[in-house]
């Protein structure tokens, strides 16, 4: 009887692992979290000088990995999603439309740019005027705002071990 209970106890965990397998791959993640604040466009410019781009926070796995790297209760961070002069939200790194946003996110098109914040144990996206100043997150990408970022020049280095462990 105890073996049956152990199997039933483990079954939800196994199912969860199976459901998450499609979101994980071996690309790795490397994020730069600013300590200073900037407008969304200034943040984009700073990321570009680092041969990076404002980050794509396009999966739940990315947010989970991010949670271990920052003090989540203190700050709001700009990232690469915006609808400035566009009818829909798109990522600046690849011009792809938003496909994922955490539950309780509040995105309003007339505000233009998006930040991420941690609230009540969860991340959520909110929109704001692009000229407001916030901290920001950069990441290594092949392209940013339609221009190659020269990936070899980035200060972002992902070791082989990290690439095997971290999902993006």
Foldseek 3Di string as FASTA:
>chain_A
DVVVVVCVVCVVVVVVVVVCVVQFDLPFWFKDWDPWKFFQVVLQVVLLVLLWGFDDPQDPLSVVVVPVVDPQAPFKAFGQWWQVVHPAIAGQFPRHGRDDFDPPAAEDNVQTTWIWHDDPRRIGIYGHHRGDMGITMITNGQGGNHHGSPNVRHPTDADSVSSVVGGD
